[in-house]
Protein backbone atom coordinates (compact mmCIF):
# COMPACT_ATOMS: atom_id res chain seq x y z
CA MET A 1 72.04 118.00 75.94
CA ASP A 2 75.10 119.10 73.95
CA ARG A 3 76.44 121.67 76.89
CA PHE A 4 75.49 118.09 79.26
CA LEU A 5 77.80 115.77 77.26
CA PHE A 6 80.48 118.58 77.31
CA LEU A 7 80.47 119.14 81.10
CA THR A 8 80.21 115.75 80.87
CA PHE A 9 83.72 114.90 78.87
CA GLY A 10 85.17 117.49 80.63
CA GLY A 11 84.21 116.53 84.33
CA LEU A 12 85.42 112.51 83.05
CA SER A 13 89.09 114.48 81.91
CA THR A 14 89.48 116.59 85.18
CA GLY A 15 87.97 113.84 87.52
CA ALA A 16 90.71 111.22 86.52
CA VAL A 17 93.96 113.80 87.35
CA TYR A 18 91.68 113.83 90.94
CA ALA A 19 91.44 110.30 91.22
CA ALA A 20 95.14 109.96 90.42
CA PHE A 21 95.84 112.60 93.09
CA ALA A 22 93.74 110.52 95.24
CA LEU A 23 94.82 107.11 94.70
CA ALA A 24 98.53 108.30 96.22
CA LEU A 25 96.71 109.46 99.76
CA VAL A 26 94.65 105.90 99.92
CA LEU A 27 98.64 104.98 99.35
CA ILE A 28 99.37 106.49 102.28
CA TRP A 29 96.87 105.68 104.20
CA ARG A 30 97.39 102.59 103.50
CA ALA A 31 100.76 102.28 103.70
CA ALA A 32 101.26 104.25 107.10
CA ARG A 33 97.57 105.16 108.51
CA LEU A 34 97.42 108.89 107.78
CA VAL A 35 96.99 111.37 105.60
CA ASN A 36 99.19 113.26 103.69
CA PHE A 37 98.56 117.10 103.37
CA ALA A 38 101.46 117.89 102.15
CA GLN A 39 100.77 115.64 98.56
CA GLY A 40 99.59 118.86 96.89
CA ALA A 41 102.69 120.79 98.17
CA MET A 42 105.39 117.64 96.90
CA ALA A 43 103.42 117.52 93.47
CA VAL A 44 104.45 121.15 92.78
CA ALA A 45 107.48 120.60 93.85
CA THR A 46 108.11 117.67 91.28
CA ALA A 47 106.19 119.69 88.59
CA TYR A 48 108.78 122.76 88.73
CA VAL A 49 111.60 120.01 88.47
CA GLY A 50 109.35 118.66 85.48
CA TYR A 51 108.83 121.65 83.65
CA ALA A 52 112.96 122.46 84.59
CA VAL A 53 114.17 119.61 82.98
CA ALA A 54 111.54 119.88 79.35
CA SER A 55 112.34 123.95 79.27
CA ALA A 56 116.52 122.54 79.03
CA THR A 57 115.96 119.38 76.84
CA GLY A 58 113.08 120.75 74.40
CA SER A 59 111.23 117.53 75.50
CA TYR A 60 107.84 117.39 77.80
CA TRP A 61 108.58 113.11 77.70
CA LEU A 62 111.61 113.87 79.61
CA GLY A 63 109.99 116.59 81.96
CA LEU A 64 107.88 113.85 82.86
CA GLY A 65 110.08 111.41 83.83
CA ALA A 66 112.11 113.66 85.74
CA ALA A 67 108.56 114.38 87.85
CA VAL A 68 108.29 110.79 88.17
CA VAL A 69 112.05 110.15 89.21
CA ALA A 70 112.12 113.22 91.52
CA GLY A 71 108.58 111.97 93.38
CA LEU A 72 109.85 108.84 94.17
CA LEU A 73 113.18 110.13 95.45
CA LEU A 74 111.14 113.27 97.95
CA GLY A 75 108.88 110.65 99.15
CA ALA A 76 111.19 108.20 100.41
CA LEU A 77 113.12 111.87 101.74
CA VAL A 78 110.21 112.53 103.58
CA GLU A 79 109.69 109.55 104.63
CA ARG A 80 113.47 108.79 106.31
CA VAL A 81 114.37 112.62 107.13
CA LEU A 82 111.01 113.70 108.67
CA MET A 83 107.97 111.02 109.11
CA ARG A 84 109.96 108.21 110.41
CA PHE A 85 111.00 109.94 113.81
CA VAL A 86 107.45 111.86 114.26
CA GLY A 87 104.81 110.16 117.36
CA HIS A 88 102.78 108.30 116.49
CA ALA A 89 101.33 108.84 120.28
CA ASN A 90 98.77 111.65 119.14
CA PRO A 91 98.00 111.66 115.39
CA LEU A 92 97.39 115.29 115.22
CA ASN A 93 101.31 115.17 115.53
CA GLU A 94 101.48 113.38 111.60
CA VAL A 95 98.92 116.44 110.31
CA ILE A 96 101.26 119.33 112.22
CA VAL A 97 103.91 118.07 110.36
CA ALA A 98 103.13 117.44 107.68
CA LEU A 99 101.75 120.59 107.12
CA GLY A 100 104.85 122.72 108.44
CA LEU A 101 106.62 120.41 105.54
CA VAL A 102 104.02 122.37 103.39
CA LEU A 103 104.59 125.73 104.40
CA VAL A 104 108.74 124.84 104.24
CA ILE A 105 107.97 123.82 100.23
CA GLN A 106 105.49 126.55 98.93
CA ALA A 107 108.17 128.78 100.90
CA VAL A 108 111.67 127.54 99.73
CA LEU A 109 109.74 127.01 96.13
CA GLY A 110 109.00 130.96 96.50
CA MET A 111 112.39 131.76 96.86
CA VAL A 112 113.87 130.21 94.25
CA PHE A 113 111.65 130.03 91.65
CA GLY A 114 109.41 133.01 92.20
CA ASN A 115 105.20 133.31 93.53
CA GLY A 116 104.60 134.46 90.25
CA TYR A 117 102.46 132.19 87.64
CA ARG A 118 104.58 129.98 84.95
CA PRO A 119 102.39 128.63 81.98
CA ALA A 120 103.14 125.37 81.33
CA PRO A 121 102.34 123.96 78.35
CA ALA A 122 100.35 120.55 77.01
CA PRO A 123 101.81 118.11 74.85
CA PHE A 124 99.15 117.56 72.87
CA ASP A 125 96.04 119.79 71.56
CA THR A 126 93.95 121.00 74.75
CA ASP A 127 90.95 122.00 72.12
CA ALA A 128 88.53 119.57 72.25
CA LEU A 129 87.33 117.33 69.39
CA THR A 130 84.18 116.75 67.96
CA VAL A 131 82.00 113.94 66.99
CA GLY A 132 78.45 114.96 65.91
CA GLY A 133 78.86 117.90 66.30
CA VAL A 134 79.01 118.14 70.45
CA ALA A 135 82.01 119.23 71.66
CA ALA A 136 83.90 116.04 73.71
CA LEU A 137 87.38 115.03 75.14
CA SER A 138 90.34 116.94 73.80
CA PRO A 139 93.88 114.85 72.49
CA TYR A 140 95.80 115.93 75.39
CA ASP A 141 92.56 114.47 77.90
CA LEU A 142 92.67 111.22 75.93
CA TRP A 143 96.30 111.34 77.14
CA VAL A 144 95.28 111.95 80.88
CA LEU A 145 92.63 109.58 80.64
CA GLY A 146 95.05 106.94 79.03
CA ALA A 147 97.56 107.69 81.56
CA VAL A 148 95.83 107.40 84.68
CA LEU A 149 94.26 103.99 83.52
CA VAL A 150 97.33 102.99 82.44
CA VAL A 151 99.26 103.66 86.14
CA VAL A 152 95.26 101.95 87.81
CA VAL A 153 96.42 98.89 85.89
CA LEU A 154 99.82 99.17 86.51
CA LEU A 155 99.49 99.47 90.75
CA ALA A 156 96.80 96.92 90.37
CA LEU A 157 99.16 93.82 89.28
CA LEU A 158 101.64 95.60 91.23
CA PHE A 159 99.93 94.36 94.40
CA THR A 160 98.50 91.29 93.74
CA ARG A 161 100.59 89.62 91.36
CA THR A 162 104.12 90.66 92.14
CA PRO A 163 106.18 89.37 96.07
CA ILE A 164 107.24 92.87 96.94
CA GLY A 165 103.58 94.08 96.40
CA LEU A 166 102.40 91.47 98.51
CA ARG A 167 104.96 92.14 100.93
CA MET A 168 104.07 96.11 100.98
CA ARG A 169 99.77 94.96 101.49
CA ALA A 170 101.35 92.42 104.87
CA ALA A 171 103.25 95.06 105.70
CA ALA A 172 100.16 97.88 106.11
CA PHE A 173 97.68 94.61 107.33
CA ALA A 174 99.52 93.33 109.58
CA PRO A 175 103.02 95.18 110.62
CA GLU A 176 104.01 92.87 113.48
CA VAL A 177 103.10 89.96 111.96
CA SER A 178 105.44 90.85 109.14
CA ARG A 179 107.70 91.50 110.88
CA LEU A 180 108.26 87.78 112.03
CA LEU A 181 108.11 86.26 109.08
CA GLY A 182 110.54 88.10 108.09
CA VAL A 183 109.35 91.78 105.52
CA ASP A 184 111.38 94.56 105.96
CA VAL A 185 108.54 96.92 107.06
CA ALA A 186 110.68 99.78 107.56
CA ARG A 187 111.71 99.57 103.77
CA MET A 188 107.98 98.63 102.33
CA LEU A 189 106.39 102.17 104.40
CA THR A 190 109.43 103.47 102.71
CA LEU A 191 108.67 102.77 99.41
CA GLY A 192 104.83 103.10 100.17
CA TRP A 193 105.98 106.86 100.52
CA ALA A 194 108.03 106.82 96.82
CA LEU A 195 105.01 105.70 95.06
CA ALA A 196 102.41 107.80 96.01
CA ALA A 197 104.40 110.58 95.65
CA ALA A 198 105.38 108.90 91.91
CA VAL A 199 101.89 109.13 91.74
CA GLY A 200 101.03 112.71 92.87
CA ALA A 201 104.08 113.89 90.67
CA LEU A 202 102.51 112.21 87.83
CA ALA A 203 99.09 114.00 88.76
CA GLY A 204 100.85 116.92 89.07
CA MET A 205 102.74 116.92 85.67
CA LEU A 206 99.04 115.89 84.06
CA VAL A 207 96.76 118.59 85.99
CA VAL A 208 99.74 122.01 85.58
CA PRO A 209 98.98 122.97 82.02
CA THR A 210 94.71 122.40 81.64
CA GLY A 211 94.48 125.67 82.82
CA LEU A 212 95.99 126.66 86.59
CA GLY A 213 99.73 127.24 85.11
CA LEU A 214 102.93 126.68 87.77
CA HIS A 215 103.19 128.85 91.06
CA PRO A 216 103.66 127.22 94.45
CA HIS A 217 100.24 127.11 95.60
CA ALA A 218 99.13 125.36 92.30
CA MET A 219 97.63 122.16 94.36
CA ASP A 220 96.25 123.73 96.97
CA LEU A 221 92.66 123.54 95.60
CA VAL A 222 93.49 120.28 93.27
CA PHE A 223 94.20 118.63 97.35
CA VAL A 224 91.13 119.41 98.39
CA VAL A 225 89.43 117.71 95.58
CA ALA A 226 91.21 115.19 95.97
CA PHE A 227 90.97 114.59 98.94
CA THR A 228 87.24 115.09 98.76
CA ALA A 229 87.58 112.32 96.16
CA ALA A 230 89.69 109.89 98.48
CA VAL A 231 86.83 110.13 101.43
CA VAL A 232 84.06 109.48 98.89
CA GLY A 233 85.51 106.47 97.68
CA GLY A 234 86.70 105.58 100.58
CA LEU A 235 90.85 106.07 102.47
CA ASP A 236 90.98 101.99 102.58
CA SER A 237 90.18 101.71 98.55
CA PRO A 238 92.64 102.09 95.36
CA ALA A 239 89.22 101.42 93.19
CA GLY A 240 87.08 104.14 95.54
CA ALA A 241 89.82 106.79 94.73
CA VAL A 242 88.76 106.53 91.18
CA VAL A 243 85.50 106.03 91.31
CA GLY A 244 85.74 108.99 93.68
CA GLY A 245 88.11 110.73 91.89
CA LEU A 246 85.76 110.84 88.62
CA LEU A 247 82.79 110.99 90.55
CA VAL A 248 83.98 114.46 92.27
CA GLY A 249 85.16 115.70 88.83
CA LEU A 250 81.74 114.91 86.95
CA ILE A 251 79.42 116.69 89.75
CA LEU A 252 82.06 119.70 90.05
CA SER A 253 81.74 119.84 86.18
CA TYR A 254 77.87 119.82 86.40
CA VAL A 255 78.16 122.68 89.39
CA THR A 256 80.54 124.85 87.37
CA GLY A 257 78.75 124.69 84.19
CA TYR A 258 75.38 125.36 85.61
CA LEU A 259 75.89 127.35 88.59
CA GLY A 260 79.01 128.86 88.20
CA PRO A 261 82.69 128.52 88.65
CA ASP A 262 81.92 130.66 92.67
CA THR A 263 79.95 127.96 93.43
CA THR A 264 82.82 124.94 93.17
CA PRO A 265 84.65 125.55 96.40
CA LEU A 266 81.33 125.37 98.27
CA ALA A 267 80.18 122.26 96.36
CA VAL A 268 83.66 120.47 97.62
CA LEU A 269 82.62 120.52 100.87
CA VAL A 270 78.81 120.32 100.93
CA LEU A 271 79.87 116.92 99.01
CA LEU A 272 82.70 116.37 101.75
CA LEU A 273 80.43 116.76 104.41
CA ALA A 274 77.21 115.02 103.08
CA VAL A 275 79.83 111.57 102.12
CA LEU A 276 81.34 112.55 106.18
CA LEU A 277 77.66 112.01 108.20
CA VAL A 278 76.07 109.61 105.31
CA ARG A 279 78.71 107.00 105.27
CA PRO A 280 81.86 108.64 107.06
CA GLY A 281 83.88 105.30 105.52
CA GLY A 282 83.36 105.88 101.94
CA LEU A 283 81.37 104.66 99.48
CA PHE A 284 83.45 101.52 98.59
CA SER A 285 84.23 101.20 102.59
CA SER A 286 84.42 97.51 103.87
CA ALA A 287 81.82 96.27 106.98
CA LYS A 288 85.09 96.21 109.91
CA ALA A 289 87.51 98.60 109.82
CA ARG A 290 91.40 97.71 109.70
CA HIS A 291 93.41 97.54 112.84
CA VAL A 292 97.01 98.41 113.09
């Protein structure tokens, strides 16, 4: 039972990071109806910016802020300079461009920073606290869960309580009608990319200190798991992204703890295949598909 509880707490912590990444994918999907396969590489790039600032200033928090700002700018830049000019007649066009962007970002990071592993210190203690003789969450795990919860609440307030959030939702669900009503759909799309990249940057800064370290390919597997979480919850559902991330984190924690770490990639693929076969729209998908 102690082992089960330990794996449960660990799964919730890592699942929160997957939920943040999945939330970034959902934001892009709702705004542009595409899966941003460059999300992981963009998060690595912003993490390099964050830890460069942290090293220069000695403050993790300044580095975290710099990474989020870099995510906002990078997301807007990618949409304005690259994705806006990709033809939408064939959905594969956007996928190919995004995969090409991954290769470019990783190559540039390798040339500038090198391909070596860089340890990334955490702002809080990573040793688990003991409650009743059972290893529970560490202070850093609590920080991760709290940060993701704050992001989810802020995004929920943005999309339901603010005029700009309502414009973003309208532009995503009915772009032609929104244009007739005076909504700048292109600007809303850019803002959606910027917000998604900022959330991805935060997720990157949260996951790197957990043992991944910093290198150009640090987020490759994290992205695959986060994509699985988004599919499990439903690409149209922010709440589903959060639930899917936590669920995937728990499943992978149990698989790793009881079957060994070598089975983790297989478990991700099996889970993704099972959801696509049983409920392709995800657990929180709506009954009707949305058309744009």
